[in-house]
Protein backbone atom coordinates (compact mmCIF):
# COMPACT_ATOMS: atom_id res chain seq x y z
CA UNK A 1 0.00 0.00 0.00
CA UNK A 2 2.71 2.52 0.87
CA UNK A 3 4.25 2.30 -2.59
CA UNK A 4 0.86 3.04 -4.15
CA UNK A 5 0.17 6.05 -1.95
CA UNK A 6 3.73 7.38 -2.30
CA UNK A 7 3.56 7.21 -6.11
CA UNK A 8 0.19 8.95 -6.04
CA UNK A 9 1.34 11.75 -3.73
CA UNK A 10 4.58 12.28 -5.66
CA UNK A 11 2.70 12.37 -8.98
CA UNK A 12 0.03 14.67 -10.32
CA UNK A 13 -2.99 12.72 -9.09
CA UNK A 14 -5.76 14.45 -7.20
CA UNK A 15 -7.40 11.35 -5.71
CA UNK A 16 -6.01 8.22 -4.06
CA UNK A 17 -8.03 5.08 -3.30
CA UNK A 18 -7.19 1.64 -2.01
CA UNK A 19 -8.83 -1.33 -0.31
CA UNK A 20 -7.01 -3.32 2.36
CA UNK A 21 -7.32 -5.34 5.55
CA UNK A 22 -6.71 -4.06 9.07
CA UNK A 23 -6.59 -5.84 12.37
CA UNK A 24 -9.37 -4.40 14.51
CA UNK A 25 -9.19 -3.75 18.26
CA UNK A 26 -11.12 -6.96 18.96
CA UNK A 27 -8.43 -9.01 17.15
CA UNK A 28 -10.50 -9.78 14.05
CA UNK A 29 -9.62 -8.53 10.60
CA UNK A 30 -11.76 -6.22 8.55
CA UNK A 31 -11.72 -4.99 4.98
CA UNK A 32 -11.53 -1.22 4.56
CA UNK A 33 -11.84 1.21 1.66
CA UNK A 34 -9.71 4.32 1.90
CA UNK A 35 -10.02 7.43 -0.27
CA UNK A 36 -8.17 10.72 -0.14
CA UNK A 37 -8.20 13.99 -2.04
CA UNK A 38 -4.68 15.38 -2.51
CA UNK A 39 -4.20 19.13 -2.20
CA UNK A 40 -1.24 20.69 -4.02
CA UNK A 41 0.43 24.06 -3.50
CA UNK A 42 1.26 26.54 -6.29
CA UNK A 43 4.48 24.59 -7.05
CA UNK A 44 2.37 21.42 -7.64
CA UNK A 45 3.72 19.75 -4.49
CA UNK A 46 1.34 17.66 -2.42
CA UNK A 47 0.83 19.44 0.90
CA UNK A 48 -2.24 17.78 2.39
CA UNK A 49 -4.60 14.86 1.98
CA UNK A 50 -8.20 14.90 3.13
CA UNK A 51 -10.02 11.61 3.13
CA UNK A 52 -12.09 8.97 4.78
CA UNK A 53 -12.11 5.26 5.49
CA UNK A 54 -15.10 2.96 5.27
CA UNK A 55 -15.37 -0.44 6.94
CA UNK A 56 -16.52 -2.91 4.27
CA UNK A 57 -16.28 -6.01 6.47
CA UNK A 58 -20.01 -6.68 6.82
CA UNK A 59 -20.67 -5.94 3.16
CA UNK A 60 -17.92 -8.35 2.06
CA UNK A 61 -19.30 -11.02 4.37
CA UNK A 62 -22.79 -10.63 2.88
CA UNK A 63 -21.40 -10.77 -0.66
CA UNK A 64 -19.59 -14.03 0.15
CA UNK A 65 -22.73 -15.56 1.67
CA UNK A 66 -24.76 -14.71 -1.45
CA UNK A 67 -22.36 -16.42 -3.88
PDB file of N, CA and C in Angstrom:
ATOM      1  N   UNK A   1       0.819  -1.190   0.000  1.00  0.00           N
ATOM      2  CA  UNK A   1       0.000   0.000   0.000  1.00  0.00           C
ATOM      3  C   UNK A   1       0.866   1.259   0.000  1.00  0.00           C
ATOM      4  N   UNK A   2       1.922   1.297   0.783  1.00  0.00           N
ATOM      5  CA  UNK A   2       2.706   2.523   0.866  1.00  0.00           C
ATOM      6  C   UNK A   2       3.290   2.926  -0.477  1.00  0.00           C
ATOM      7  N   UNK A   3       3.718   1.968  -1.277  1.00  0.00           N
ATOM      8  CA  UNK A   3       4.251   2.304  -2.590  1.00  0.00           C
ATOM      9  C   UNK A   3       3.183   2.990  -3.424  1.00  0.00           C
ATOM     10  N   UNK A   4       1.968   2.465  -3.396  1.00  0.00           N
ATOM     11  CA  UNK A   4       0.861   3.042  -4.149  1.00  0.00           C
ATOM     12  C   UNK A   4       0.584   4.477  -3.707  1.00  0.00           C
ATOM     13  N   UNK A   5       0.482   4.706  -2.434  1.00  0.00           N
ATOM     14  CA  UNK A   5       0.170   6.053  -1.950  1.00  0.00           C
ATOM     15  C   UNK A   5       1.348   7.000  -2.202  1.00  0.00           C
ATOM     16  N   UNK A   6       2.573   6.525  -2.041  1.00  0.00           N
ATOM     17  CA  UNK A   6       3.733   7.380  -2.299  1.00  0.00           C
ATOM     18  C   UNK A   6       3.784   7.800  -3.758  1.00  0.00           C
ATOM     19  N   UNK A   7       3.562   6.870  -4.686  1.00  0.00           N
ATOM     20  CA  UNK A   7       3.562   7.206  -6.111  1.00  0.00           C
ATOM     21  C   UNK A   7       2.460   8.215  -6.423  1.00  0.00           C
ATOM     22  N   UNK A   8       1.314   8.048  -5.798  1.00  0.00           N
ATOM     23  CA  UNK A   8       0.193   8.955  -6.039  1.00  0.00           C
ATOM     24  C   UNK A   8       0.506  10.352  -5.526  1.00  0.00           C
ATOM     25  N   UNK A   9       1.031  10.445  -4.317  1.00  0.00           N
ATOM     26  CA  UNK A   9       1.343  11.750  -3.726  1.00  0.00           C
ATOM     27  C   UNK A   9       2.466  12.440  -4.494  1.00  0.00           C
ATOM     28  N   UNK A  10       3.455  11.686  -4.937  1.00  0.00           N
ATOM     29  CA  UNK A  10       4.584  12.276  -5.663  1.00  0.00           C
ATOM     30  C   UNK A  10       4.216  12.635  -7.101  1.00  0.00           C
ATOM     31  N   UNK A  11       3.125  12.095  -7.608  1.00  0.00           N
ATOM     32  CA  UNK A  11       2.704  12.372  -8.982  1.00  0.00           C
ATOM     33  C   UNK A  11       1.735  13.537  -9.037  1.00  0.00           C
ATOM     34  N   UNK A  12       0.959  13.565 -10.100  1.00  0.00           N
ATOM     35  CA  UNK A  12       0.026  14.667 -10.323  1.00  0.00           C
ATOM     36  C   UNK A  12      -1.410  14.312  -9.945  1.00  0.00           C
ATOM     37  N   UNK A  13      -1.625  13.156  -9.382  1.00  0.00           N
ATOM     38  CA  UNK A  13      -2.990  12.716  -9.086  1.00  0.00           C
ATOM     39  C   UNK A  13      -3.660  13.601  -8.052  1.00  0.00           C
ATOM     40  N   UNK A  14      -4.969  13.698  -8.169  1.00  0.00           N
ATOM     41  CA  UNK A  14      -5.761  14.454  -7.200  1.00  0.00           C
ATOM     42  C   UNK A  14      -6.456  13.544  -6.200  1.00  0.00           C
ATOM     43  N   UNK A  15      -6.661  12.274  -6.568  1.00  0.00           N
ATOM     44  CA  UNK A  15      -7.405  11.347  -5.715  1.00  0.00           C
ATOM     45  C   UNK A  15      -6.630  10.047  -5.556  1.00  0.00           C
ATOM     46  N   UNK A  16      -6.623   9.514  -4.359  1.00  0.00           N
ATOM     47  CA  UNK A  16      -6.015   8.222  -4.061  1.00  0.00           C
ATOM     48  C   UNK A  16      -7.071   7.322  -3.452  1.00  0.00           C
ATOM     49  N   UNK A  17      -7.126   6.072  -3.890  1.00  0.00           N
ATOM     50  CA  UNK A  17      -8.029   5.085  -3.302  1.00  0.00           C
ATOM     51  C   UNK A  17      -7.304   3.759  -3.163  1.00  0.00           C
ATOM     52  N   UNK A  18      -7.720   2.985  -2.178  1.00  0.00           N
ATOM     53  CA  UNK A  18      -7.190   1.638  -2.006  1.00  0.00           C
ATOM     54  C   UNK A  18      -8.131   0.862  -1.095  1.00  0.00           C
ATOM     55  N   UNK A  19      -8.044  -0.439  -1.169  1.00  0.00           N
ATOM     56  CA  UNK A  19      -8.826  -1.330  -0.306  1.00  0.00           C
ATOM     57  C   UNK A  19      -7.838  -2.288   0.345  1.00  0.00           C
ATOM     58  N   UNK A  20      -7.956  -2.476   1.650  1.00  0.00           N
ATOM     59  CA  UNK A  20      -7.006  -3.324   2.355  1.00  0.00           C
ATOM     60  C   UNK A  20      -7.616  -3.865   3.643  1.00  0.00           C
ATOM     61  N   UNK A  21      -6.858  -4.742   4.289  1.00  0.00           N
ATOM     62  CA  UNK A  21      -7.318  -5.343   5.549  1.00  0.00           C
ATOM     63  C   UNK A  21      -6.552  -4.754   6.716  1.00  0.00           C
ATOM     64  N   UNK A  22      -7.279  -4.545   7.815  1.00  0.00           N
ATOM     65  CA  UNK A  22      -6.712  -4.062   9.069  1.00  0.00           C
ATOM     66  C   UNK A  22      -7.087  -5.026  10.178  1.00  0.00           C
ATOM     67  N   UNK A  23      -6.233  -5.112  11.158  1.00  0.00           N
ATOM     68  CA  UNK A  23      -6.587  -5.839  12.375  1.00  0.00           C
ATOM     69  C   UNK A  23      -7.324  -4.862  13.270  1.00  0.00           C
ATOM     70  N   UNK A  24      -8.529  -5.257  13.676  1.00  0.00           N
ATOM     71  CA  UNK A  24      -9.366  -4.395  14.510  1.00  0.00           C
ATOM     72  C   UNK A  24      -9.008  -4.579  15.983  1.00  0.00           C
ATOM     73  N   UNK A  25      -9.526  -3.699  16.833  1.00  0.00           N
ATOM     74  CA  UNK A  25      -9.190  -3.748  18.259  1.00  0.00           C
ATOM     75  C   UNK A  25      -9.640  -5.041  18.930  1.00  0.00           C
ATOM     76  N   UNK A  26     -10.666  -5.704  18.365  1.00  0.00           N
ATOM     77  CA  UNK A  26     -11.124  -6.964  18.961  1.00  0.00           C
ATOM     78  C   UNK A  26     -10.324  -8.170  18.466  1.00  0.00           C
ATOM     79  N   UNK A  27      -9.295  -7.934  17.633  1.00  0.00           N
ATOM     80  CA  UNK A  27      -8.430  -9.008  17.151  1.00  0.00           C
ATOM     81  C   UNK A  27      -8.854  -9.600  15.809  1.00  0.00           C
ATOM     82  N   UNK A  28     -10.053  -9.296  15.355  1.00  0.00           N
ATOM     83  CA  UNK A  28     -10.498  -9.775  14.046  1.00  0.00           C
ATOM     84  C   UNK A  28      -9.959  -8.860  12.955  1.00  0.00           C
ATOM     85  N   UNK A  29     -10.067  -9.338  11.741  1.00  0.00           N
ATOM     86  CA  UNK A  29      -9.618  -8.535  10.601  1.00  0.00           C
ATOM     87  C   UNK A  29     -10.809  -8.023   9.829  1.00  0.00           C
ATOM     88  N   UNK A  30     -10.697  -6.811   9.338  1.00  0.00           N
ATOM     89  CA  UNK A  30     -11.761  -6.216   8.554  1.00  0.00           C
ATOM     90  C   UNK A  30     -11.212  -5.668   7.247  1.00  0.00           C
ATOM     91  N   UNK A  31     -12.081  -5.555   6.271  1.00  0.00           N
ATOM     92  CA  UNK A  31     -11.723  -4.986   4.980  1.00  0.00           C
ATOM     93  C   UNK A  31     -12.164  -3.526   4.962  1.00  0.00           C
ATOM     94  N   UNK A  32     -11.265  -2.652   4.549  1.00  0.00           N
ATOM     95  CA  UNK A  32     -11.530  -1.218   4.564  1.00  0.00           C
ATOM     96  C   UNK A  32     -11.248  -0.600   3.207  1.00  0.00           C
ATOM     97  N   UNK A  33     -12.039   0.408   2.864  1.00  0.00           N
ATOM     98  CA  UNK A  33     -11.844   1.208   1.664  1.00  0.00           C
ATOM     99  C   UNK A  33     -11.364   2.570   2.130  1.00  0.00           C
ATOM    100  N   UNK A  34     -10.305   3.046   1.520  1.00  0.00           N
ATOM    101  CA  UNK A  34      -9.713   4.320   1.902  1.00  0.00           C
ATOM    102  C   UNK A  34      -9.656   5.213   0.672  1.00  0.00           C
ATOM    103  N   UNK A  35     -10.038   6.478   0.834  1.00  0.00           N
ATOM    104  CA  UNK A  35     -10.019   7.429  -0.270  1.00  0.00           C
ATOM    105  C   UNK A  35      -9.530   8.773   0.247  1.00  0.00           C
ATOM    106  N   UNK A  36      -8.669   9.416  -0.532  1.00  0.00           N
ATOM    107  CA  UNK A  36      -8.165  10.717  -0.136  1.00  0.00           C
ATOM    108  C   UNK A  36      -8.084  11.668  -1.311  1.00  0.00           C
ATOM    109  N   UNK A  37      -8.334  12.919  -1.054  1.00  0.00           N
ATOM    110  CA  UNK A  37      -8.198  13.994  -2.037  1.00  0.00           C
ATOM    111  C   UNK A  37      -6.894  14.720  -1.721  1.00  0.00           C
ATOM    112  N   UNK A  38      -6.008  14.807  -2.706  1.00  0.00           N
ATOM    113  CA  UNK A  38      -4.682  15.376  -2.508  1.00  0.00           C
ATOM    114  C   UNK A  38      -4.695  16.857  -2.896  1.00  0.00           C
ATOM    115  N   UNK A  39      -4.257  17.688  -1.969  1.00  0.00           N
ATOM    116  CA  UNK A  39      -4.200  19.134  -2.199  1.00  0.00           C
ATOM    117  C   UNK A  39      -2.757  19.522  -2.496  1.00  0.00           C
ATOM    118  N   UNK A  40      -2.564  20.261  -3.593  1.00  0.00           N
ATOM    119  CA  UNK A  40      -1.236  20.695  -4.020  1.00  0.00           C
ATOM    120  C   UNK A  40      -1.081  22.209  -3.831  1.00  0.00           C
ATOM    121  N   UNK A  41       0.162  22.631  -3.594  1.00  0.00           N
ATOM    122  CA  UNK A  41       0.433  24.063  -3.501  1.00  0.00           C
ATOM    123  C   UNK A  41       0.687  24.633  -4.900  1.00  0.00           C
ATOM    124  N   UNK A  42       1.064  25.893  -4.984  1.00  0.00           N
ATOM    125  CA  UNK A  42       1.264  26.542  -6.290  1.00  0.00           C
ATOM    126  C   UNK A  42       2.462  25.971  -7.056  1.00  0.00           C
ATOM    127  N   UNK A  43       3.345  25.249  -6.386  1.00  0.00           N
ATOM    128  CA  UNK A  43       4.478  24.588  -7.047  1.00  0.00           C
ATOM    129  C   UNK A  43       4.152  23.133  -7.412  1.00  0.00           C
ATOM    130  N   UNK A  44       2.871  22.776  -7.309  1.00  0.00           N
ATOM    131  CA  UNK A  44       2.372  21.423  -7.636  1.00  0.00           C
ATOM    132  C   UNK A  44       2.914  20.350  -6.705  1.00  0.00           C
ATOM    133  N   UNK A  45       3.271  20.722  -5.487  1.00  0.00           N
ATOM    134  CA  UNK A  45       3.720  19.754  -4.489  1.00  0.00           C
ATOM    135  C   UNK A  45       2.535  19.389  -3.602  1.00  0.00           C
ATOM    136  N   UNK A  46       2.394  18.105  -3.317  1.00  0.00           N
ATOM    137  CA  UNK A  46       1.338  17.661  -2.419  1.00  0.00           C
ATOM    138  C   UNK A  46       1.627  18.199  -1.017  1.00  0.00           C
ATOM    139  N   UNK A  47       0.638  18.857  -0.425  1.00  0.00           N
ATOM    140  CA  UNK A  47       0.833  19.443   0.899  1.00  0.00           C
ATOM    141  C   UNK A  47      -0.154  18.911   1.932  1.00  0.00           C
ATOM    142  N   UNK A  48      -1.222  18.271   1.454  1.00  0.00           N
ATOM    143  CA  UNK A  48      -2.236  17.778   2.389  1.00  0.00           C
ATOM    144  C   UNK A  48      -3.111  16.743   1.689  1.00  0.00           C
ATOM    145  N   UNK A  49      -3.639  15.828   2.493  1.00  0.00           N
ATOM    146  CA  UNK A  49      -4.603  14.864   1.978  1.00  0.00           C
ATOM    147  C   UNK A  49      -5.789  14.828   2.925  1.00  0.00           C
ATOM    148  N   UNK A  50      -6.966  14.983   2.361  1.00  0.00           N
ATOM    149  CA  UNK A  50      -8.198  14.901   3.132  1.00  0.00           C
ATOM    150  C   UNK A  50      -8.937  13.669   2.654  1.00  0.00           C
ATOM    151  N   UNK A  51      -9.369  12.831   3.572  1.00  0.00           N
ATOM    152  CA  UNK A  51     -10.016  11.611   3.131  1.00  0.00           C
ATOM    153  C   UNK A  51     -10.853  10.948   4.200  1.00  0.00           C
ATOM    154  N   UNK A  52     -11.244   9.747   3.875  1.00  0.00           N
ATOM    155  CA  UNK A  52     -12.093   8.974   4.782  1.00  0.00           C
ATOM    156  C   UNK A  52     -11.861   7.489   4.551  1.00  0.00           C
ATOM    157  N   UNK A  53     -12.170   6.720   5.579  1.00  0.00           N
ATOM    158  CA  UNK A  53     -12.113   5.263   5.486  1.00  0.00           C
ATOM    159  C   UNK A  53     -13.505   4.706   5.756  1.00  0.00           C
ATOM    160  N   UNK A  54     -13.819   3.611   5.072  1.00  0.00           N
ATOM    161  CA  UNK A  54     -15.102   2.962   5.268  1.00  0.00           C
ATOM    162  C   UNK A  54     -14.853   1.476   5.546  1.00  0.00           C
ATOM    163  N   UNK A  55     -15.467   0.965   6.595  1.00  0.00           N
ATOM    164  CA  UNK A  55     -15.365  -0.442   6.940  1.00  0.00           C
ATOM    165  C   UNK A  55     -16.306  -1.239   6.044  1.00  0.00           C
ATOM    166  N   UNK A  56     -15.738  -2.094   5.198  1.00  0.00           N
ATOM    167  CA  UNK A  56     -16.519  -2.907   4.265  1.00  0.00           C
ATOM    168  C   UNK A  56     -16.696  -4.346   4.746  1.00  0.00           C
ATOM    169  N   UNK A  57     -16.302  -4.637   5.975  1.00  0.00           N
ATOM    170  CA  UNK A  57     -16.282  -6.008   6.470  1.00  0.00           C
ATOM    171  C   UNK A  57     -17.640  -6.679   6.354  1.00  0.00           C
ATOM    172  N   UNK A  58     -18.686  -6.062   6.866  1.00  0.00           N
ATOM    173  CA  UNK A  58     -20.014  -6.684   6.817  1.00  0.00           C
ATOM    174  C   UNK A  58     -20.505  -6.846   5.387  1.00  0.00           C
ATOM    175  N   UNK A  59     -20.246  -5.873   4.567  1.00  0.00           N
ATOM    176  CA  UNK A  59     -20.668  -5.940   3.160  1.00  0.00           C
ATOM    177  C   UNK A  59     -19.969  -7.090   2.443  1.00  0.00           C
ATOM    178  N   UNK A  60     -18.671  -7.249   2.669  1.00  0.00           N
ATOM    179  CA  UNK A  60     -17.921  -8.348   2.056  1.00  0.00           C
ATOM    180  C   UNK A  60     -18.453  -9.699   2.530  1.00  0.00           C
ATOM    181  N   UNK A  61     -18.765  -9.775   3.822  1.00  0.00           N
ATOM    182  CA  UNK A  61     -19.297 -11.019   4.371  1.00  0.00           C
ATOM    183  C   UNK A  61     -20.632 -11.380   3.719  1.00  0.00           C
ATOM    184  N   UNK A  62     -21.516 -10.398   3.542  1.00  0.00           N
ATOM    185  CA  UNK A  62     -22.795 -10.632   2.876  1.00  0.00           C
ATOM    186  C   UNK A  62     -22.603 -11.051   1.420  1.00  0.00           C
ATOM    187  N   UNK A  63     -21.676 -10.409   0.726  1.00  0.00           N
ATOM    188  CA  UNK A  63     -21.401 -10.775  -0.658  1.00  0.00           C
ATOM    189  C   UNK A  63     -20.948 -12.224  -0.757  1.00  0.00           C
ATOM    190  N   UNK A  64     -20.079 -12.660   0.151  1.00  0.00           N
ATOM    191  CA  UNK A  64     -19.588 -14.029   0.147  1.00  0.00           C
ATOM    192  C   UNK A  64     -20.703 -15.032   0.435  1.00  0.00           C
ATOM    193  N   UNK A  65     -21.617 -14.676   1.324  1.00  0.00           N
ATOM    194  CA  UNK A  65     -22.731 -15.559   1.666  1.00  0.00           C
ATOM    195  C   UNK A  65     -23.697 -15.713   0.495  1.00  0.00           C
ATOM    196  N   UNK A  66     -23.817 -14.693  -0.336  1.00  0.00           N
ATOM    197  CA  UNK A  66     -24.763 -14.710  -1.449  1.00  0.00           C
ATOM    198  C   UNK A  66     -24.188 -15.329  -2.717  1.00  0.00           C
ATOM    199  N   UNK A  67     -22.947 -15.789  -2.685  1.00  0.00           N
ATOM    200  CA  UNK A  67     -22.356 -16.415  -3.876  1.00  0.00           C
ATOM    201  C   UNK A  67     -22.862 -17.810  -4.091  1.00  0.00           C
TER     202      UNK A  67
END
